[in-house]
Structures are given as structure tokens and as C-alpha cells.
């Protein structure tokens, strides 16, 4: 889904991660670095994903962030994002 989100005109970088609730249901979150001057909304991103992949893939939460933290291997640090953004 990250590749799809990167094709959105308002998205520069992104990371998608899951967060389990109290009943162990996983919810999809998207952390997005917006393009300069852009402020994509959750509805806009959900509609974009739904139109291309289906409702099942649409994120339930959108976090606009200034940067995506990386692991030592240079990959998005989803564990750090999950702890910072979905508490």
C-alpha cells in the first residue's frame, strides 16, 4: 500500500502500519509526509486507496508527519511510528 500512497500527488513519503485494539482487531494507520503546501485529509487518502485497491486496504487513521523515522537498515521504523502515533 505504501507504493500506492506514494503515487498520491499530496504524498512525498509514507509508512503504513497496523495497530491492534483491546479486542486484537488490527487497524491500518498511514503516516504521511505531505508534499509542500499540501494537507491531505483522511477522507481524501481513503477515497484514493479505495478507488484503486478497495475499501479493505483504506487506512483507518492518517498521521501527517514532518519525516518518517528510519531503522539502522534504512527502512521505515514502523515500531517507533506505532509507539509515537497510535497511543
PDB file of N, CA and C in Angstrom:
ATOM      1  N   UNK A   1       0.814  -1.192   0.000  1.00  0.00           N
ATOM      2  CA  UNK A   1       0.000   0.000   0.000  1.00  0.00           C
ATOM      3  C   UNK A   1       0.862   1.263   0.000  1.00  0.00           C
ATOM      4  N   UNK A   2       2.068   1.164   0.549  1.00  0.00           N
ATOM      5  CA  UNK A   2       2.937   2.342   0.562  1.00  0.00           C
ATOM      6  C   UNK A   2       3.240   2.822  -0.856  1.00  0.00           C
ATOM      7  N   UNK A   3       3.480   1.881  -1.757  1.00  0.00           N
ATOM      8  CA  UNK A   3       3.749   2.257  -3.150  1.00  0.00           C
ATOM      9  C   UNK A   3       2.560   3.019  -3.740  1.00  0.00           C
ATOM     10  N   UNK A   4       1.361   2.559  -3.442  1.00  0.00           N
ATOM     11  CA  UNK A   4       0.158   3.243  -3.924  1.00  0.00           C
ATOM     12  C   UNK A   4       0.068   4.649  -3.335  1.00  0.00           C
ATOM     13  N   UNK A   5       0.287   4.786  -2.030  1.00  0.00           N
ATOM     14  CA  UNK A   5       0.209   6.107  -1.406  1.00  0.00           C
ATOM     15  C   UNK A   5       1.244   7.068  -1.978  1.00  0.00           C
ATOM     16  N   UNK A   6       2.412   6.551  -2.344  1.00  0.00           N
ATOM     17  CA  UNK A   6       3.440   7.416  -2.917  1.00  0.00           C
ATOM     18  C   UNK A   6       3.038   7.959  -4.290  1.00  0.00           C
ATOM     19  N   UNK A   7       2.044   7.354  -4.910  1.00  0.00           N
ATOM     20  CA  UNK A   7       1.557   7.865  -6.197  1.00  0.00           C
ATOM     21  C   UNK A   7       0.521   8.976  -6.006  1.00  0.00           C
ATOM     22  N   UNK A   8       0.098   9.220  -4.771  1.00  0.00           N
ATOM     23  CA  UNK A   8      -0.846  10.307  -4.471  1.00  0.00           C
ATOM     24  C   UNK A   8      -0.094  11.628  -4.607  1.00  0.00           C
ATOM     25  N   UNK A   9      -0.663  12.616  -5.293  1.00  0.00           N
ATOM     26  CA  UNK A   9       0.048  13.876  -5.535  1.00  0.00           C
ATOM     27  C   UNK A   9       0.374  14.685  -4.276  1.00  0.00           C
ATOM     28  N   UNK A  10      -0.270  14.407  -3.161  1.00  0.00           N
ATOM     29  CA  UNK A  10      -0.004  15.165  -1.935  1.00  0.00           C
ATOM     30  C   UNK A  10       0.929  14.429  -0.975  1.00  0.00           C
ATOM     31  N   UNK A  11       1.475  13.276  -1.403  1.00  0.00           N
ATOM     32  CA  UNK A  11       2.306  12.455  -0.515  1.00  0.00           C
ATOM     33  C   UNK A  11       3.738  12.397  -1.034  1.00  0.00           C
ATOM     34  N   UNK A  12       4.695  12.743  -0.160  1.00  0.00           N
ATOM     35  CA  UNK A  12       6.117  12.670  -0.510  1.00  0.00           C
ATOM     36  C   UNK A  12       6.734  11.372   0.006  1.00  0.00           C
ATOM     37  N   UNK A  13       6.449  11.043   1.270  1.00  0.00           N
ATOM     38  CA  UNK A  13       6.926   9.809   1.895  1.00  0.00           C
ATOM     39  C   UNK A  13       5.801   9.252   2.751  1.00  0.00           C
ATOM     40  N   UNK A  14       5.881   7.950   3.016  1.00  0.00           N
ATOM     41  CA  UNK A  14       4.843   7.356   3.858  1.00  0.00           C
ATOM     42  C   UNK A  14       5.306   6.043   4.450  1.00  0.00           C
ATOM     43  N   UNK A  15       4.583   5.617   5.455  1.00  0.00           N
ATOM     44  CA  UNK A  15       4.757   4.295   6.052  1.00  0.00           C
ATOM     45  C   UNK A  15       3.382   3.854   6.526  1.00  0.00           C
ATOM     46  N   UNK A  16       3.070   2.605   6.324  1.00  0.00           N
ATOM     47  CA  UNK A  16       1.782   2.048   6.726  1.00  0.00           C
ATOM     48  C   UNK A  16       2.051   0.982   7.779  1.00  0.00           C
ATOM     49  N   UNK A  17       1.274   1.018   8.858  1.00  0.00           N
ATOM     50  CA  UNK A  17       1.469   0.050   9.929  1.00  0.00           C
ATOM     51  C   UNK A  17       0.139  -0.297  10.564  1.00  0.00           C
ATOM     52  N   UNK A  18       0.113  -1.437  11.230  1.00  0.00           N
ATOM     53  CA  UNK A  18      -1.096  -1.883  11.910  1.00  0.00           C
ATOM     54  C   UNK A  18      -1.009  -1.625  13.400  1.00  0.00           C
ATOM     55  N   UNK A  19      -2.147  -1.465  14.002  1.00  0.00           N
ATOM     56  CA  UNK A  19      -2.236  -1.264  15.447  1.00  0.00           C
ATOM     57  C   UNK A  19      -3.412  -2.097  15.944  1.00  0.00           C
ATOM     58  N   UNK A  20      -3.161  -2.990  16.893  1.00  0.00           N
ATOM     59  CA  UNK A  20      -4.232  -3.835  17.439  1.00  0.00           C
ATOM     60  C   UNK A  20      -4.923  -3.126  18.595  1.00  0.00           C
ATOM     61  N   UNK A  21      -6.249  -3.258  18.611  1.00  0.00           N
ATOM     62  CA  UNK A  21      -7.013  -2.667  19.715  1.00  0.00           C
ATOM     63  C   UNK A  21      -7.170  -3.688  20.837  1.00  0.00           C
ATOM     64  N   UNK A  22      -7.971  -3.344  21.825  1.00  0.00           N
ATOM     65  CA  UNK A  22      -8.160  -4.204  23.000  1.00  0.00           C
ATOM     66  C   UNK A  22      -8.711  -5.581  22.641  1.00  0.00           C
ATOM     67  N   UNK A  23      -9.432  -5.676  21.530  1.00  0.00           N
ATOM     68  CA  UNK A  23     -10.010  -6.952  21.105  1.00  0.00           C
ATOM     69  C   UNK A  23      -9.162  -7.658  20.049  1.00  0.00           C
ATOM     70  N   UNK A  24      -7.916  -7.209  19.892  1.00  0.00           N
ATOM     71  CA  UNK A  24      -6.964  -7.781  18.936  1.00  0.00           C
ATOM     72  C   UNK A  24      -7.376  -7.598  17.482  1.00  0.00           C
ATOM     73  N   UNK A  25      -8.200  -6.596  17.216  1.00  0.00           N
ATOM     74  CA  UNK A  25      -8.552  -6.257  15.837  1.00  0.00           C
ATOM     75  C   UNK A  25      -7.496  -5.266  15.335  1.00  0.00           C
ATOM     76  N   UNK A  26      -6.909  -5.587  14.176  1.00  0.00           N
ATOM     77  CA  UNK A  26      -5.863  -4.708  13.645  1.00  0.00           C
ATOM     78  C   UNK A  26      -6.474  -3.575  12.829  1.00  0.00           C
ATOM     79  N   UNK A  27      -5.974  -2.363  13.075  1.00  0.00           N
ATOM     80  CA  UNK A  27      -6.421  -1.166  12.365  1.00  0.00           C
ATOM     81  C   UNK A  27      -5.237  -0.611  11.581  1.00  0.00           C
ATOM     82  N   UNK A  28      -5.483  -0.230  10.328  1.00  0.00           N
ATOM     83  CA  UNK A  28      -4.425   0.264   9.460  1.00  0.00           C
ATOM     84  C   UNK A  28      -4.250   1.770   9.662  1.00  0.00           C
ATOM     85  N   UNK A  29      -2.999   2.156   9.924  1.00  0.00           N
ATOM     86  CA  UNK A  29      -2.628   3.553  10.082  1.00  0.00           C
ATOM     87  C   UNK A  29      -1.651   3.916   8.969  1.00  0.00           C
ATOM     88  N   UNK A  30      -1.720   5.143   8.486  1.00  0.00           N
ATOM     89  CA  UNK A  30      -0.769   5.634   7.490  1.00  0.00           C
ATOM     90  C   UNK A  30      -0.121   6.895   8.031  1.00  0.00           C
ATOM     91  N   UNK A  31       1.215   6.885   8.077  1.00  0.00           N
ATOM     92  CA  UNK A  31       1.979   8.083   8.415  1.00  0.00           C
ATOM     93  C   UNK A  31       2.445   8.664   7.089  1.00  0.00           C
ATOM     94  N   UNK A  32       2.154   9.947   6.878  1.00  0.00           N
ATOM     95  CA  UNK A  32       2.401  10.577   5.588  1.00  0.00           C
ATOM     96  C   UNK A  32       3.174  11.879   5.772  1.00  0.00           C
ATOM     97  N   UNK A  33       4.234  12.036   4.975  1.00  0.00           N
ATOM     98  CA  UNK A  33       4.916  13.320   4.859  1.00  0.00           C
ATOM     99  C   UNK A  33       4.262  14.006   3.661  1.00  0.00           C
ATOM    100  N   UNK A  34       3.504  15.079   3.903  1.00  0.00           N
ATOM    101  CA  UNK A  34       2.799  15.725   2.796  1.00  0.00           C
ATOM    102  C   UNK A  34       3.742  16.506   1.886  1.00  0.00           C
ATOM    103  N   UNK A  35       3.353  16.627   0.635  1.00  0.00           N
ATOM    104  CA  UNK A  35       4.081  17.458  -0.317  1.00  0.00           C
ATOM    105  C   UNK A  35       3.989  18.914   0.143  1.00  0.00           C
ATOM    106  N   UNK A  36       4.979  19.732  -0.195  1.00  0.00           N
ATOM    107  CA  UNK A  36       4.947  21.133   0.220  1.00  0.00           C
ATOM    108  C   UNK A  36       3.620  21.805  -0.164  1.00  0.00           C
ATOM    109  N   UNK A  37       3.022  22.451   0.814  1.00  0.00           N
ATOM    110  CA  UNK A  37       1.769  23.166   0.581  1.00  0.00           C
ATOM    111  C   UNK A  37       0.533  22.287   0.541  1.00  0.00           C
ATOM    112  N   UNK A  38       0.677  20.996   0.750  1.00  0.00           N
ATOM    113  CA  UNK A  38      -0.457  20.066   0.707  1.00  0.00           C
ATOM    114  C   UNK A  38      -0.809  19.597   2.115  1.00  0.00           C
ATOM    115  N   UNK A  39      -2.073  19.310   2.335  1.00  0.00           N
ATOM    116  CA  UNK A  39      -2.569  18.808   3.607  1.00  0.00           C
ATOM    117  C   UNK A  39      -3.646  17.756   3.340  1.00  0.00           C
ATOM    118  N   UNK A  40      -3.228  16.553   2.898  1.00  0.00           N
ATOM    119  CA  UNK A  40      -4.233  15.536   2.583  1.00  0.00           C
ATOM    120  C   UNK A  40      -5.040  15.159   3.824  1.00  0.00           C
ATOM    121  N   UNK A  41      -6.314  14.913   3.623  1.00  0.00           N
ATOM    122  CA  UNK A  41      -7.186  14.508   4.730  1.00  0.00           C
ATOM    123  C   UNK A  41      -7.329  12.988   4.724  1.00  0.00           C
ATOM    124  N   UNK A  42      -7.796  12.453   5.845  1.00  0.00           N
ATOM    125  CA  UNK A  42      -8.048  11.010   5.925  1.00  0.00           C
ATOM    126  C   UNK A  42      -9.049  10.608   4.845  1.00  0.00           C
ATOM    127  N   UNK A  43     -10.091  11.390   4.673  1.00  0.00           N
ATOM    128  CA  UNK A  43     -11.111  11.074   3.663  1.00  0.00           C
ATOM    129  C   UNK A  43     -10.509  11.035   2.260  1.00  0.00           C
ATOM    130  N   UNK A  44      -9.658  12.000   1.944  1.00  0.00           N
ATOM    131  CA  UNK A  44      -9.015  12.062   0.635  1.00  0.00           C
ATOM    132  C   UNK A  44      -8.151  10.818   0.404  1.00  0.00           C
ATOM    133  N   UNK A  45      -7.348  10.458   1.397  1.00  0.00           N
ATOM    134  CA  UNK A  45      -6.466   9.296   1.267  1.00  0.00           C
ATOM    135  C   UNK A  45      -7.288   8.007   1.191  1.00  0.00           C
ATOM    136  N   UNK A  46      -8.319   7.891   2.014  1.00  0.00           N
ATOM    137  CA  UNK A  46      -9.182   6.695   1.982  1.00  0.00           C
ATOM    138  C   UNK A  46      -9.846   6.549   0.611  1.00  0.00           C
ATOM    139  N   UNK A  47     -10.373   7.642   0.072  1.00  0.00           N
ATOM    140  CA  UNK A  47     -11.007   7.593  -1.249  1.00  0.00           C
ATOM    141  C   UNK A  47     -10.004   7.185  -2.328  1.00  0.00           C
ATOM    142  N   UNK A  48      -8.791   7.719  -2.257  1.00  0.00           N
ATOM    143  CA  UNK A  48      -7.736   7.412  -3.220  1.00  0.00           C
ATOM    144  C   UNK A  48      -7.415   5.918  -3.197  1.00  0.00           C
ATOM    145  N   UNK A  49      -7.220   5.371  -1.996  1.00  0.00           N
ATOM    146  CA  UNK A  49      -6.891   3.947  -1.855  1.00  0.00           C
ATOM    147  C   UNK A  49      -8.079   3.074  -2.256  1.00  0.00           C
ATOM    148  N   UNK A  50      -9.268   3.432  -1.798  1.00  0.00           N
ATOM    149  CA  UNK A  50     -10.459   2.637  -2.099  1.00  0.00           C
ATOM    150  C   UNK A  50     -10.701   2.546  -3.603  1.00  0.00           C
ATOM    151  N   UNK A  51     -10.512   3.642  -4.315  1.00  0.00           N
ATOM    152  CA  UNK A  51     -10.736   3.652  -5.761  1.00  0.00           C
ATOM    153  C   UNK A  51      -9.748   2.755  -6.504  1.00  0.00           C
ATOM    154  N   UNK A  52      -8.568   2.532  -5.927  1.00  0.00           N
ATOM    155  CA  UNK A  52      -7.533   1.779  -6.623  1.00  0.00           C
ATOM    156  C   UNK A  52      -7.338   0.350  -6.111  1.00  0.00           C
ATOM    157  N   UNK A  53      -7.612   0.113  -4.821  1.00  0.00           N
ATOM    158  CA  UNK A  53      -7.370  -1.219  -4.249  1.00  0.00           C
ATOM    159  C   UNK A  53      -8.574  -1.805  -3.538  1.00  0.00           C
ATOM    160  N   UNK A  54      -9.547  -0.987  -3.221  1.00  0.00           N
ATOM    161  CA  UNK A  54     -10.715  -1.479  -2.496  1.00  0.00           C
ATOM    162  C   UNK A  54     -10.737  -0.976  -1.066  1.00  0.00           C
ATOM    163  N   UNK A  55     -11.906  -0.964  -0.492  1.00  0.00           N
ATOM    164  CA  UNK A  55     -12.128  -0.428   0.853  1.00  0.00           C
ATOM    165  C   UNK A  55     -11.318  -1.150   1.924  1.00  0.00           C
ATOM    166  N   UNK A  56     -11.092  -2.448   1.744  1.00  0.00           N
ATOM    167  CA  UNK A  56     -10.358  -3.245   2.716  1.00  0.00           C
ATOM    168  C   UNK A  56      -8.965  -2.673   3.002  1.00  0.00           C
ATOM    169  N   UNK A  57      -8.356  -2.032   2.020  1.00  0.00           N
ATOM    170  CA  UNK A  57      -6.991  -1.520   2.155  1.00  0.00           C
ATOM    171  C   UNK A  57      -6.923  -0.078   2.657  1.00  0.00           C
ATOM    172  N   UNK A  58      -8.030   0.600   2.713  1.00  0.00           N
ATOM    173  CA  UNK A  58      -8.034   2.015   3.104  1.00  0.00           C
ATOM    174  C   UNK A  58      -7.644   2.163   4.577  1.00  0.00           C
ATOM    175  N   UNK A  59      -6.754   3.107   4.877  1.00  0.00           N
ATOM    176  CA  UNK A  59      -6.347   3.292   6.272  1.00  0.00           C
ATOM    177  C   UNK A  59      -7.489   3.839   7.122  1.00  0.00           C
ATOM    178  N   UNK A  60      -7.480   3.467   8.385  1.00  0.00           N
ATOM    179  CA  UNK A  60      -8.482   3.957   9.333  1.00  0.00           C
ATOM    180  C   UNK A  60      -8.004   5.211  10.040  1.00  0.00           C
ATOM    181  N   UNK A  61      -6.687   5.456   9.996  1.00  0.00           N
ATOM    182  CA  UNK A  61      -6.126   6.648  10.629  1.00  0.00           C
ATOM    183  C   UNK A  61      -5.025   7.204   9.738  1.00  0.00           C
ATOM    184  N   UNK A  62      -4.924   8.527   9.701  1.00  0.00           N
ATOM    185  CA  UNK A  62      -3.907   9.219   8.919  1.00  0.00           C
ATOM    186  C   UNK A  62      -3.156  10.155   9.847  1.00  0.00           C
ATOM    187  N   UNK A  63      -1.835  10.070   9.798  1.00  0.00           N
ATOM    188  CA  UNK A  63      -0.984  10.926  10.616  1.00  0.00           C
ATOM    189  C   UNK A  63      -0.092  11.721   9.669  1.00  0.00           C
ATOM    190  N   UNK A  64      -0.199  13.034   9.676  1.00  0.00           N
ATOM    191  CA  UNK A  64       0.689  13.882   8.885  1.00  0.00           C
ATOM    192  C   UNK A  64       1.923  14.155   9.743  1.00  0.00           C
ATOM    193  N   UNK A  65       3.077  13.784   9.224  1.00  0.00           N
ATOM    194  CA  UNK A  65       4.321  13.897   9.979  1.00  0.00           C
ATOM    195  C   UNK A  65       5.375  14.639   9.152  1.00  0.00           C
ATOM    196  N   UNK A  66       6.342  15.284   9.829  1.00  0.00           N
ATOM    197  CA  UNK A  66       7.375  16.005   9.085  1.00  0.00           C
ATOM    198  C   UNK A  66       8.401  15.087   8.437  1.00  0.00           C
ATOM    199  N   UNK A  67       8.568  13.871   8.998  1.00  0.00           N
ATOM    200  CA  UNK A  67       9.500  12.908   8.425  1.00  0.00           C
ATOM    201  C   UNK A  67       9.122  11.504   8.882  1.00  0.00           C
ATOM    202  N   UNK A  68       9.628  10.516   8.141  1.00  0.00           N
ATOM    203  CA  UNK A  68       9.429   9.116   8.501  1.00  0.00           C
ATOM    204  C   UNK A  68      10.743   8.644   9.125  1.00  0.00           C
ATOM    205  N   UNK A  69      10.722   8.239  10.397  1.00  0.00           N
ATOM    206  CA  UNK A  69      11.961   7.744  11.005  1.00  0.00           C
ATOM    207  C   UNK A  69      12.390   6.434  10.350  1.00  0.00           C
ATOM    208  N   UNK A  70      13.696   6.242  10.278  1.00  0.00           N
ATOM    209  CA  UNK A  70      14.239   5.046   9.631  1.00  0.00           C
ATOM    210  C   UNK A  70      14.990   4.178  10.628  1.00  0.00           C
ATOM    211  N   UNK A  71      15.011   2.882  10.345  1.00  0.00           N
ATOM    212  CA  UNK A  71      15.798   1.947  11.136  1.00  0.00           C
ATOM    213  C   UNK A  71      17.261   2.057  10.697  1.00  0.00           C
ATOM    214  N   UNK A  72      18.145   1.350  11.386  1.00  0.00           N
ATOM    215  CA  UNK A  72      19.553   1.332  11.005  1.00  0.00           C
ATOM    216  C   UNK A  72      19.746   0.777   9.592  1.00  0.00           C
ATOM    217  N   UNK A  73      18.785  -0.042   9.135  1.00  0.00           N
ATOM    218  CA  UNK A  73      18.854  -0.623   7.790  1.00  0.00           C
ATOM    219  C   UNK A  73      18.279   0.318   6.728  1.00  0.00           C
ATOM    220  N   UNK A  74      17.794   1.503   7.146  1.00  0.00           N
ATOM    221  CA  UNK A  74      17.265   2.464   6.191  1.00  0.00           C
ATOM    222  C   UNK A  74      15.817   2.247   5.806  1.00  0.00           C
ATOM    223  N   UNK A  75      15.115   1.405   6.556  1.00  0.00           N
ATOM    224  CA  UNK A  75      13.693   1.146   6.282  1.00  0.00           C
ATOM    225  C   UNK A  75      12.837   1.943   7.260  1.00  0.00           C
ATOM    226  N   UNK A  76      11.588   2.223   6.894  1.00  0.00           N
ATOM    227  CA  UNK A  76      10.719   2.948   7.835  1.00  0.00           C
ATOM    228  C   UNK A  76      10.637   2.217   9.176  1.00  0.00           C
ATOM    229  N   UNK A  77      10.814   2.956  10.250  1.00  0.00           N
ATOM    230  CA  UNK A  77      10.765   2.389  11.595  1.00  0.00           C
ATOM    231  C   UNK A  77       9.311   2.363  12.063  1.00  0.00           C
ATOM    232  N   UNK A  78       8.626   1.304  11.686  1.00  0.00           N
ATOM    233  CA  UNK A  78       7.191   1.202  11.977  1.00  0.00           C
ATOM    234  C   UNK A  78       6.926   0.992  13.463  1.00  0.00           C
ATOM    235  N   UNK A  79       7.839   0.332  14.145  1.00  0.00           N
ATOM    236  CA  UNK A  79       7.677   0.144  15.593  1.00  0.00           C
ATOM    237  C   UNK A  79       7.695   1.503  16.295  1.00  0.00           C
ATOM    238  N   UNK A  80       8.626   2.357  15.920  1.00  0.00           N
ATOM    239  CA  UNK A  80       8.710   3.695  16.502  1.00  0.00           C
ATOM    240  C   UNK A  80       7.469   4.520  16.138  1.00  0.00           C
ATOM    241  N   UNK A  81       7.064   4.462  14.883  1.00  0.00           N
ATOM    242  CA  UNK A  81       5.855   5.185  14.461  1.00  0.00           C
ATOM    243  C   UNK A  81       4.644   4.709  15.251  1.00  0.00           C
ATOM    244  N   UNK A  82       4.509   3.403  15.387  1.00  0.00           N
ATOM    245  CA  UNK A  82       3.366   2.843  16.109  1.00  0.00           C
ATOM    246  C   UNK A  82       3.344   3.370  17.550  1.00  0.00           C
ATOM    247  N   UNK A  83       4.498   3.414  18.204  1.00  0.00           N
ATOM    248  CA  UNK A  83       4.534   3.876  19.595  1.00  0.00           C
ATOM    249  C   UNK A  83       4.298   5.378  19.702  1.00  0.00           C
ATOM    250  N   UNK A  84       4.749   6.144  18.733  1.00  0.00           N
ATOM    251  CA  UNK A  84       4.583   7.599  18.759  1.00  0.00           C
ATOM    252  C   UNK A  84       3.186   8.070  18.377  1.00  0.00           C
ATOM    253  N   UNK A  85       2.574   7.401  17.413  1.00  0.00           N
ATOM    254  CA  UNK A  85       1.390   7.953  16.766  1.00  0.00           C
ATOM    255  C   UNK A  85       0.066   7.300  17.135  1.00  0.00           C
ATOM    256  N   UNK A  86       0.063   6.115  17.630  1.00  0.00           N
ATOM    257  CA  UNK A  86      -1.225   5.465  17.796  1.00  0.00           C
ATOM    258  C   UNK A  86      -1.516   5.088  19.240  1.00  0.00           C
ATOM    259  N   UNK A  87      -0.914   5.818  20.149  1.00  0.00           N
ATOM    260  CA  UNK A  87      -1.121   5.521  21.545  1.00  0.00           C
ATOM    261  C   UNK A  87      -2.446   5.970  22.068  1.00  0.00           C
TER     262      UNK A  87
END
